[in-house]
Amino acid sequence: MPTPRFKLRLTGSEHQQLKKHLFPGDGLEAVAVALCGRREGVPVQILNVHRLVPIPYDECKIRRADRVTWSTKRLVPLLDEARKRKMSILKIHSHPTGYPLFSDTDDISDRDLFESIISWTESDLHASSIMLPDGEMFARRVSDGGEFEPFESVMVAGDDIKFWSEAARTGRTSEFARRHAQLFGAGTTAKLRELTIGVIGCSGTGSPLIEQLARLGVGKLILVDPDKVEEKNLNRILNASHEDAYLERYKVDVMASAIARMGFGTELKLLRNNLYDAGVVTAVAECDVLFGCVDSIEGRHLLNRLSAFYLIPYFDLGVKLVADGNGGIDEVCGAVHYIRPDGSSLLSRRVYTMAQVTADGLRRTDPTAYRDQVKAGYITGVQEDRPAVISVNMLFAALGANEFLARLHPYRLDDNADYATVRASLMQGEFYRQGDGAPCPVLRKYIGRGDIDPVLDMPSLSNVRPQ
């Protein structure tokens, strides 16, 4: 059995709320607790903050610069809920002095607290976390025997993607070097090496995106695509050849061969399945960041739900060409949508409707009936088996990669909040940007919920058990 690895995730809004509460400006420690959803895969287990409960300052018996003791009366309702819903408890407190480790006092208080939490909830997947004055967080699991296991990483999925790894924090590099590592140099490479990134769809926009992520040095890529290479799509899949089509190789295998030849040491997990599978969803939930390069509305909707349930930043890439019916083109355009788990969704942005999701589901479950209803090609308005779209696909794949880098290492003059959607029209020669909207009312209740039966609360996934 592989040694378990642990990760913690929270939204940008939760991180801001925590920082405001834990550092009120008086230089004294403060505390909060949270109810967390889980991802209990092997070997990666993830806690996702579902509901945050700050402990009022007047309910703390002691508040000093190096110690806090507090009433647990607000914790008790969370314990009952955690037991009934198979969720976890997270304790977070501040170190206003900037002390970057758990103290001896922390060890004693955590053992006492989590012994009761474990007994009450009948589970030992709970955690304690510390926030430093600059907002950096680190965490650890407290086991049934009172042992401490550090979390591999803490990630904040907001307009900016904040990511702190235990490996970097505990001194592989000096503090100065870590904080001043060059953007688009060692600073970017070091962060990417710690990340697991999922790419759903390995064809038109997916293959050039995968090429970029691999050459940037991403530590692990999870690639999902059920299709094999065909002769008709060789002109738009990077690294694909006639031999791959002849031998009917899976697209993910072709991508894997190319990445292996690069020699950058990127770890790979290949899923030769449709995303609409509970086992695949559970596997993809391990990812720190998701890219959707799919042409199906149903797939986009599922990825958006997955983002909300497991607090994963999600980049959706789309390209559209509209023919005029006379051999010309009326529009060449595309968009990169960045989805914060607690922000607006593709649904609330009106990228699609639920009626379209239902219709697209029919394409998967009954292709014949779907074809009777809808006839559509890669280029809207005509049927083209070999569309010359590689240059368009590569443009929007590059936009997606750069949107990701801008959020991992903010470098733009304007805030990332202004770039929730980036659109481009090649016909007009214009780029457009738009900020995020109100949180999606459909997905709001699922933020950080994690594992649930049925998976993603979608009955259509209930007949396939997670692997």
Protein backbone atom coordinates (compact mmCIF):
# COMPACT_ATOMS: atom_id res chain seq x y z
CA MET A 1 0.00 0.00 0.00
CA PRO A 2 1.52 3.37 -1.02
CA THR A 3 2.25 5.85 1.75
CA PRO A 4 -0.65 8.35 1.95
CA ARG A 5 0.01 11.92 0.86
CA PHE A 6 -2.14 14.79 2.06
CA LYS A 7 -3.22 18.10 0.51
CA LEU A 8 -5.39 21.00 1.71
CA ARG A 9 -7.42 23.31 -0.52
CA LEU A 10 -9.49 26.42 0.10
CA THR A 11 -10.99 29.19 -2.00
CA GLY A 12 -9.61 32.69 -2.38
CA SER A 13 -12.60 34.11 -0.49
CA GLU A 14 -12.03 31.72 2.40
CA HIS A 15 -8.33 32.59 2.50
CA GLN A 16 -9.14 36.31 2.65
CA GLN A 17 -11.71 35.74 5.39
CA LEU A 18 -9.22 33.68 7.37
CA LYS A 19 -6.43 36.22 7.07
CA LYS A 20 -8.70 39.06 8.19
CA HIS A 21 -9.87 37.08 11.24
CA LEU A 22 -6.52 35.55 12.23
CA PHE A 23 -4.61 38.82 11.98
CA PRO A 24 -6.88 41.57 13.36
CA GLY A 25 -3.89 43.84 13.98
CA ASP A 26 -3.38 43.26 17.70
CA GLY A 27 -0.40 40.88 17.33
CA LEU A 28 -2.21 38.07 19.17
CA GLU A 29 -3.01 34.54 18.02
CA ALA A 30 -6.52 33.75 16.81
CA VAL A 31 -8.24 30.57 15.67
CA ALA A 32 -10.89 29.22 13.28
CA VAL A 33 -12.27 25.81 12.42
CA ALA A 34 -13.67 24.40 9.21
CA LEU A 35 -15.80 21.54 7.95
CA CYS A 36 -14.04 19.91 5.01
CA GLY A 37 -15.04 17.62 2.19
CA ARG A 38 -12.65 14.83 1.29
CA ARG A 39 -11.00 13.17 -1.65
CA GLU A 40 -10.00 9.78 -0.27
CA GLY A 41 -8.15 8.30 -3.22
CA VAL A 42 -4.89 6.35 -3.00
CA PRO A 43 -2.31 7.58 -2.33
CA VAL A 44 -3.43 11.24 -2.40
CA GLN A 45 -5.99 12.31 0.19
CA ILE A 46 -7.31 15.86 0.02
CA LEU A 47 -9.26 18.07 2.40
CA ASN A 48 -11.40 20.81 0.77
CA VAL A 49 -12.75 23.57 2.99
CA HIS A 50 -16.54 23.46 2.75
CA ARG A 51 -17.58 25.78 5.59
CA LEU A 52 -15.42 28.12 7.63
CA VAL A 53 -16.24 29.04 11.25
CA PRO A 54 -14.09 31.78 12.83
CA ILE A 55 -13.90 31.55 16.63
CA PRO A 56 -14.86 34.96 18.11
CA TYR A 57 -12.08 36.64 20.06
CA ASP A 58 -14.24 36.88 23.18
CA GLU A 59 -14.60 33.08 23.17
CA CYS A 60 -10.84 32.66 23.53
CA LYS A 61 -9.79 32.20 27.16
CA ILE A 62 -6.20 33.15 26.37
CA ARG A 63 -4.88 35.21 23.45
CA ARG A 64 -1.17 35.94 23.45
CA ALA A 65 1.45 36.43 20.76
CA ASP A 66 2.48 32.80 21.15
CA ARG A 67 -0.62 31.00 22.44
CA VAL A 68 -4.39 30.78 22.10
CA THR A 69 -6.94 28.70 24.00
CA TRP A 70 -10.57 28.75 22.97
CA SER A 71 -14.05 27.46 23.65
CA THR A 72 -15.05 24.50 21.48
CA LYS A 73 -18.80 25.18 21.60
CA ARG A 74 -18.86 26.21 17.93
CA LEU A 75 -16.96 23.05 16.99
CA VAL A 76 -19.52 20.59 18.42
CA PRO A 77 -22.17 21.03 15.65
CA LEU A 78 -19.44 20.50 13.05
CA LEU A 79 -18.43 17.23 14.72
CA ASP A 80 -21.93 15.83 14.38
CA GLU A 81 -22.11 16.90 10.75
CA ALA A 82 -18.66 15.49 10.01
CA ARG A 83 -19.63 12.11 11.41
CA LYS A 84 -22.95 11.92 9.58
CA ARG A 85 -21.63 13.14 6.21
CA LYS A 86 -18.17 11.51 6.36
CA MET A 87 -16.38 14.85 6.36
CA SER A 88 -13.31 16.21 8.16
CA ILE A 89 -12.41 18.90 10.68
CA LEU A 90 -9.69 21.48 10.13
CA LYS A 91 -8.31 23.74 12.85
CA ILE A 92 -6.46 26.88 11.73
CA HIS A 93 -4.63 29.33 13.96
CA SER A 94 -2.19 32.17 13.40
CA HIS A 95 1.45 32.69 14.27
CA PRO A 96 1.62 36.50 14.35
CA THR A 97 5.34 36.34 15.19
CA GLY A 98 5.95 34.57 11.86
CA TYR A 99 7.26 31.41 13.52
CA PRO A 100 7.26 28.95 10.55
CA LEU A 101 6.75 25.69 12.45
CA PHE A 102 4.29 24.01 14.78
CA SER A 103 5.44 24.81 18.32
CA ASP A 104 5.69 22.45 21.28
CA THR A 105 2.55 24.10 22.63
CA ASP A 106 0.82 23.37 19.32
CA ASP A 107 1.82 19.71 19.59
CA ILE A 108 0.27 19.36 23.03
CA SER A 109 -2.97 21.18 22.17
CA ASP A 110 -3.41 19.35 18.85
CA ARG A 111 -3.01 15.92 20.44
CA ASP A 112 -5.62 16.77 23.08
CA LEU A 113 -8.08 18.31 20.62
CA PHE A 114 -7.84 15.72 17.87
CA GLU A 115 -8.08 12.78 20.26
CA SER A 116 -11.62 14.02 21.01
CA ILE A 117 -12.37 14.83 17.35
CA ILE A 118 -11.29 11.37 16.19
CA SER A 119 -13.32 9.67 18.90
CA TRP A 120 -16.43 11.72 18.09
CA THR A 121 -16.29 11.40 14.30
CA GLU A 122 -14.93 7.83 14.17
CA SER A 123 -12.38 8.97 11.59
CA ASP A 124 -8.79 10.14 11.78
CA LEU A 125 -8.65 12.14 8.55
CA HIS A 126 -8.51 15.59 10.15
CA ALA A 127 -5.92 18.34 10.14
CA SER A 128 -4.37 21.29 11.90
CA SER A 129 -3.03 24.32 10.00
CA ILE A 130 -1.09 27.49 10.66
CA MET A 131 -1.26 30.80 8.79
CA LEU A 132 1.67 33.21 8.80
CA PRO A 133 1.32 37.01 8.55
CA ASP A 134 1.88 37.02 4.77
CA GLY A 135 -0.95 34.51 4.29
CA GLU A 136 1.23 31.45 3.76
CA MET A 137 -0.25 28.27 5.22
CA PHE A 138 1.02 24.82 6.12
CA ALA A 139 -0.82 21.89 7.62
CA ARG A 140 -0.51 18.45 9.17
CA ARG A 141 -2.66 15.45 9.87
CA VAL A 142 -3.01 14.30 13.48
CA SER A 143 -3.40 10.53 13.49
CA ASP A 144 -5.32 8.29 15.86
CA GLY A 145 -2.09 7.58 17.74
CA GLY A 146 -1.20 11.26 18.08
CA GLU A 147 1.42 11.17 15.32
CA PHE A 148 1.91 14.15 13.02
CA GLU A 149 2.08 13.81 9.22
CA PRO A 150 2.83 16.97 7.23
CA PHE A 151 0.56 17.89 4.34
CA GLU A 152 2.32 17.86 0.99
CA SER A 153 0.78 21.19 -0.02
CA VAL A 154 -1.79 23.88 0.67
CA MET A 155 -3.47 25.56 -2.30
CA VAL A 156 -5.73 28.62 -2.53
CA ALA A 157 -7.97 28.61 -5.62
CA GLY A 158 -8.76 32.28 -6.11
CA ASP A 159 -8.19 34.90 -8.79
CA ASP A 160 -4.54 34.14 -8.07
CA ILE A 161 -3.51 30.53 -7.49
CA LYS A 162 -1.50 30.40 -4.28
CA PHE A 163 0.44 27.20 -3.68
CA TRP A 164 2.73 26.33 -0.80
CA SER A 165 4.55 23.00 -0.80
CA GLU A 166 6.05 21.36 2.26
CA ALA A 167 9.19 20.48 0.29
CA ALA A 168 9.89 24.13 -0.52
CA ARG A 169 8.89 25.36 2.92
CA THR A 170 11.12 23.04 4.90
CA GLY A 171 14.37 24.26 3.44
CA ARG A 172 15.29 22.71 0.13
CA THR A 173 16.07 26.32 -0.74
CA SER A 174 16.93 29.24 1.51
CA GLU A 175 14.16 31.63 2.54
CA PHE A 176 15.66 34.45 0.48
CA ALA A 177 16.09 32.25 -2.60
CA ARG A 178 12.56 30.89 -2.28
CA ARG A 179 10.94 34.31 -2.04
CA HIS A 180 13.08 35.95 -4.72
CA ALA A 181 13.25 33.16 -7.28
CA GLN A 182 12.96 34.64 -10.76
CA LEU A 183 9.54 34.75 -12.40
CA PHE A 184 9.62 32.82 -15.69
CA GLY A 185 12.80 31.25 -14.35
CA ALA A 186 13.56 29.19 -11.27
CA GLY A 187 10.56 30.62 -9.41
CA THR A 188 8.08 29.40 -12.00
CA THR A 189 9.84 26.10 -12.66
CA ALA A 190 10.01 25.21 -8.97
CA LYS A 191 6.26 25.73 -8.50
CA LEU A 192 5.33 23.84 -11.65
CA ARG A 193 7.46 20.89 -10.59
CA GLU A 194 5.26 20.49 -7.47
CA LEU A 195 1.93 20.56 -9.36
CA THR A 196 -0.32 17.86 -10.74
CA ILE A 197 -2.23 19.17 -13.75
CA GLY A 198 -5.07 17.43 -15.57
CA VAL A 199 -5.76 17.93 -19.27
CA ILE A 200 -9.11 16.60 -20.45
CA GLY A 201 -9.03 16.15 -24.21
CA CYS A 202 -5.78 15.49 -26.10
CA SER A 203 -6.66 16.62 -29.60
CA GLY A 204 -7.09 20.08 -31.16
CA THR A 205 -6.32 22.49 -28.29
CA GLY A 206 -5.28 19.72 -25.91
CA SER A 207 -2.17 18.49 -27.73
CA PRO A 208 -0.47 21.93 -28.08
CA LEU A 209 -1.39 22.72 -24.48
CA ILE A 210 0.15 19.45 -23.27
CA GLU A 211 3.30 20.24 -25.27
CA GLN A 212 3.64 23.57 -23.45
CA LEU A 213 2.93 22.22 -19.98
CA ALA A 214 5.44 19.40 -20.39
CA ARG A 215 8.17 21.73 -21.64
CA LEU A 216 7.44 24.16 -18.79
CA GLY A 217 8.33 21.32 -16.43
CA VAL A 218 5.04 20.37 -14.78
CA GLY A 219 5.68 17.64 -12.21
CA LYS A 220 2.77 15.37 -13.08
CA LEU A 221 0.24 15.34 -15.91
CA ILE A 222 -3.01 13.39 -15.85
CA LEU A 223 -4.24 13.02 -19.43
CA VAL A 224 -7.80 11.96 -20.22
CA ASP A 225 -9.10 10.99 -23.67
CA PRO A 226 -10.93 7.83 -24.81
CA ASP A 227 -10.20 8.28 -28.52
CA LYS A 228 -7.60 6.84 -30.85
CA VAL A 229 -5.68 8.77 -33.48
CA GLU A 230 -7.37 8.81 -36.89
CA GLU A 231 -5.95 9.82 -40.23
CA LYS A 232 -8.46 12.67 -40.53
CA ASN A 233 -7.18 14.46 -37.44
CA LEU A 234 -3.42 14.18 -38.01
CA ASN A 235 -3.27 17.79 -39.20
CA ARG A 236 -4.32 19.12 -35.78
CA ILE A 237 -2.73 16.77 -33.21
CA LEU A 238 0.85 17.62 -32.32
CA ASN A 239 3.27 14.67 -32.31
CA ALA A 240 0.77 12.38 -34.08
CA SER A 241 1.84 10.48 -37.22
CA HIS A 242 0.39 8.28 -39.92
CA GLU A 243 1.87 5.31 -38.07
CA ASP A 244 -0.15 6.21 -34.95
CA ALA A 245 -3.34 6.25 -37.01
CA TYR A 246 -2.48 2.99 -38.74
CA LEU A 247 -1.75 1.26 -35.42
CA GLU A 248 -4.83 2.86 -33.81
CA ARG A 249 -2.88 4.26 -30.89
CA TYR A 250 -4.71 6.12 -28.17
CA LYS A 251 -4.18 9.86 -28.20
CA VAL A 252 -2.98 9.80 -24.58
CA ASP A 253 -0.34 7.22 -25.51
CA VAL A 254 0.92 9.42 -28.36
CA MET A 255 1.18 12.36 -25.97
CA ALA A 256 2.99 10.19 -23.42
CA SER A 257 5.58 9.05 -25.98
CA ALA A 258 6.33 12.64 -26.92
CA ILE A 259 6.68 13.72 -23.28
CA ALA A 260 8.97 10.78 -22.52
CA ARG A 261 11.23 11.79 -25.41
CA MET A 262 11.51 15.32 -23.99
CA GLY A 263 13.24 13.89 -20.93
CA PHE A 264 12.10 16.45 -18.37
CA GLY A 265 11.01 13.79 -15.88
CA THR A 266 7.30 14.60 -15.97
CA GLU A 267 5.27 11.88 -14.26
CA LEU A 268 2.26 10.71 -16.26
CA LYS A 269 -1.08 9.11 -15.55
CA LEU A 270 -3.03 8.10 -18.66
CA LEU A 271 -6.79 7.58 -18.58
CA ARG A 272 -8.09 6.04 -21.81
CA ASN A 273 -11.67 6.59 -20.74
CA ASN A 274 -14.47 9.05 -21.13
CA LEU A 275 -14.59 11.64 -18.37
CA TYR A 276 -18.17 10.53 -17.74
CA ASP A 277 -17.01 7.73 -15.45
CA ALA A 278 -16.92 7.80 -11.65
CA GLY A 279 -13.46 6.22 -11.55
CA VAL A 280 -12.07 8.84 -13.91
CA VAL A 281 -13.68 11.68 -11.95
CA THR A 282 -12.14 10.37 -8.73
CA ALA A 283 -8.72 10.12 -10.37
CA VAL A 284 -8.93 13.60 -11.87
CA ALA A 285 -9.91 15.04 -8.47
CA GLU A 286 -6.27 14.56 -7.47
CA CYS A 287 -5.25 17.40 -9.82
CA ASP A 288 -4.20 20.80 -8.51
CA VAL A 289 -5.28 22.50 -11.76
CA LEU A 290 -7.59 21.40 -14.59
CA PHE A 291 -7.65 22.27 -18.28
CA GLY A 292 -10.73 21.39 -20.31
CA CYS A 293 -10.03 20.95 -24.02
CA VAL A 294 -13.29 19.22 -24.88
CA ASP A 295 -15.89 20.05 -27.51
CA SER A 296 -18.85 18.65 -25.58
CA ILE A 297 -21.14 20.77 -23.45
CA GLU A 298 -21.76 17.83 -21.12
CA GLY A 299 -18.02 17.47 -20.53
CA ARG A 300 -17.67 21.16 -19.70
CA HIS A 301 -20.55 20.96 -17.26
CA LEU A 302 -19.05 17.94 -15.50
CA LEU A 303 -15.63 19.64 -15.23
CA ASN A 304 -17.25 22.74 -13.75
CA ARG A 305 -18.97 20.59 -11.10
CA LEU A 306 -15.71 18.79 -10.38
CA SER A 307 -14.00 22.15 -9.89
CA ALA A 308 -16.62 23.20 -7.32
CA PHE A 309 -16.70 19.91 -5.41
CA TYR A 310 -12.91 19.59 -5.10
CA LEU A 311 -11.80 23.26 -5.18
CA ILE A 312 -9.74 22.90 -8.34
CA PRO A 313 -8.97 25.95 -10.54
CA TYR A 314 -10.34 25.17 -13.99
CA PHE A 315 -9.36 26.64 -17.38
CA ASP A 316 -11.83 25.99 -20.20
CA LEU A 317 -10.54 26.39 -23.77
CA GLY A 318 -12.86 26.76 -26.73
CA VAL A 319 -12.48 27.59 -30.43
CA LYS A 320 -15.22 28.43 -32.94
CA LEU A 321 -15.18 28.91 -36.70
CA VAL A 322 -18.37 29.88 -38.54
CA ALA A 323 -18.62 29.27 -42.30
CA ASP A 324 -20.61 31.55 -44.58
CA GLY A 325 -21.87 28.64 -46.71
CA ASN A 326 -20.05 29.88 -49.81
CA GLY A 327 -16.55 28.67 -49.03
CA GLY A 328 -15.69 31.63 -46.82
CA ILE A 329 -15.62 32.28 -43.07
CA ASP A 330 -17.84 34.64 -41.10
CA GLU A 331 -16.00 34.29 -37.79
CA VAL A 332 -12.82 32.83 -36.27
CA CYS A 333 -12.87 33.22 -32.51
CA GLY A 334 -12.24 31.51 -29.21
CA ALA A 335 -12.19 31.97 -25.46
CA VAL A 336 -10.36 30.96 -22.33
CA HIS A 337 -12.60 30.85 -19.26
CA TYR A 338 -11.00 30.74 -15.83
CA ILE A 339 -13.34 29.16 -13.29
CA ARG A 340 -12.82 29.82 -9.60
CA PRO A 341 -14.54 27.06 -7.59
CA ASP A 342 -16.59 29.61 -5.63
CA GLY A 343 -17.19 32.02 -8.51
CA SER A 344 -19.45 32.08 -11.52
CA SER A 345 -19.69 28.96 -13.65
CA LEU A 346 -19.85 28.31 -17.36
CA LEU A 347 -23.56 27.77 -16.80
CA SER A 348 -24.14 31.09 -15.02
CA ARG A 349 -21.96 32.82 -17.66
CA ARG A 350 -24.42 31.43 -20.22
CA VAL A 351 -21.79 29.54 -22.15
CA TYR A 352 -24.45 26.81 -22.34
CA THR A 353 -27.89 25.97 -20.94
CA MET A 354 -29.08 22.90 -19.07
CA ALA A 355 -31.19 22.01 -22.11
CA GLN A 356 -27.96 21.85 -24.12
CA VAL A 357 -26.34 19.69 -21.44
CA THR A 358 -29.25 17.25 -21.71
CA ALA A 359 -29.06 17.23 -25.50
CA ASP A 360 -25.31 16.66 -25.41
CA GLY A 361 -25.82 13.78 -23.01
CA LEU A 362 -27.97 12.18 -25.66
CA ARG A 363 -24.99 12.28 -28.03
CA ARG A 364 -23.04 10.11 -25.57
CA THR A 365 -25.82 7.71 -24.61
CA ASP A 366 -27.66 7.45 -27.96
CA PRO A 367 -25.53 8.79 -30.83
CA THR A 368 -28.03 7.72 -33.47
CA ALA A 369 -30.85 9.67 -31.91
CA TYR A 370 -28.55 12.63 -31.46
CA ARG A 371 -27.54 12.62 -35.11
CA ASP A 372 -31.18 12.66 -36.04
CA GLN A 373 -31.58 15.86 -34.02
CA VAL A 374 -28.35 17.73 -34.70
CA LYS A 375 -25.81 17.68 -37.51
CA ALA A 376 -22.70 19.73 -36.71
CA GLY A 377 -19.09 19.80 -37.88
CA TYR A 378 -15.85 21.20 -36.51
CA ILE A 379 -16.56 24.35 -38.51
CA THR A 380 -20.13 25.48 -37.85
CA GLY A 381 -22.16 25.52 -41.02
CA VAL A 382 -20.25 22.91 -43.04
CA GLN A 383 -18.89 19.39 -42.75
CA GLU A 384 -15.09 19.28 -42.76
CA ASP A 385 -13.15 16.16 -41.77
CA ARG A 386 -9.75 17.85 -42.04
CA PRO A 387 -10.22 21.48 -40.96
CA ALA A 388 -7.08 23.64 -41.21
CA VAL A 389 -7.32 24.89 -37.64
CA ILE A 390 -3.93 24.04 -36.14
CA SER A 391 -2.83 27.70 -36.01
CA VAL A 392 -6.09 28.76 -34.32
CA ASN A 393 -5.91 25.91 -31.83
CA MET A 394 -2.30 26.71 -30.96
CA LEU A 395 -3.14 30.37 -30.37
CA PHE A 396 -5.84 29.58 -27.81
CA ALA A 397 -3.79 26.79 -26.22
CA ALA A 398 -1.03 29.35 -25.66
CA LEU A 399 -3.55 31.83 -24.24
CA GLY A 400 -4.70 29.15 -21.81
CA ALA A 401 -1.14 28.35 -20.71
CA ASN A 402 -0.32 32.03 -20.19
CA GLU A 403 -3.54 32.63 -18.23
CA PHE A 404 -2.45 29.83 -15.92
CA LEU A 405 1.06 31.28 -15.49
CA ALA A 406 -0.39 34.73 -14.81
CA ARG A 407 -2.39 33.32 -11.90
CA LEU A 408 0.43 31.19 -10.52
CA HIS A 409 2.81 34.18 -10.67
CA PRO A 410 0.77 37.41 -11.09
CA TYR A 411 2.70 39.68 -13.44
CA ARG A 412 0.05 41.74 -15.24
CA LEU A 413 -0.50 45.44 -14.63
CA ASP A 414 -4.19 44.75 -13.87
CA ASP A 415 -5.57 42.32 -11.30
CA ASN A 416 -6.29 38.76 -12.40
CA ALA A 417 -9.88 39.34 -11.26
CA ASP A 418 -10.37 41.31 -14.49
CA TYR A 419 -9.52 38.28 -16.65
CA ALA A 420 -12.13 35.66 -15.76
CA THR A 421 -12.87 35.40 -19.48
CA VAL A 422 -10.49 36.25 -22.31
CA ARG A 423 -11.99 36.23 -25.80
CA ALA A 424 -10.36 36.87 -29.15
CA SER A 425 -11.80 37.44 -32.59
CA LEU A 426 -9.33 36.89 -35.39
CA MET A 427 -11.79 38.40 -37.86
CA GLN A 428 -11.86 41.68 -35.94
CA GLY A 429 -8.28 41.45 -34.67
CA GLU A 430 -9.47 42.17 -31.13
CA PHE A 431 -9.01 40.72 -27.64
CA TYR A 432 -11.68 41.18 -24.98
CA ARG A 433 -11.60 40.51 -21.25
CA GLN A 434 -14.30 40.25 -18.64
CA GLY A 435 -14.32 39.91 -14.85
CA ASP A 436 -16.09 37.22 -12.86
CA GLY A 437 -19.80 37.40 -12.07
CA ALA A 438 -21.83 36.39 -9.04
CA PRO A 439 -21.27 32.89 -7.59
CA CYS A 440 -23.18 30.22 -9.49
CA PRO A 441 -26.48 29.58 -7.64
CA VAL A 442 -26.58 25.97 -8.90
CA LEU A 443 -23.10 24.99 -7.66
CA ARG A 444 -22.80 27.19 -4.57
CA LYS A 445 -23.94 24.50 -2.14
CA TYR A 446 -21.35 22.03 -3.46
CA ILE A 447 -18.22 24.16 -2.93
CA GLY A 448 -15.62 21.96 -1.21
CA ARG A 449 -18.05 19.09 -0.67
CA GLY A 450 -15.62 16.46 -2.00
CA ASP A 451 -16.56 12.79 -2.12
CA ILE A 452 -20.27 12.10 -2.17
CA ASP A 453 -22.58 9.30 -3.31
CA PRO A 454 -23.45 9.54 -6.13
CA VAL A 455 -20.23 11.08 -7.43
CA LEU A 456 -20.63 14.85 -7.97
CA ASP A 457 -24.27 14.34 -6.93
CA MET A 458 -24.97 13.09 -10.47
CA PRO A 459 -27.21 9.99 -10.46
CA SER A 460 -25.96 9.10 -13.94
CA LEU A 461 -22.56 8.34 -12.37
CA SER A 462 -23.95 6.18 -9.58
CA ASN A 463 -23.72 2.90 -11.51
CA VAL A 464 -19.92 3.10 -11.79
CA ARG A 465 -17.93 2.88 -8.60
CA PRO A 466 -14.75 4.92 -8.13
CA GLN A 467 -11.56 2.89 -8.64
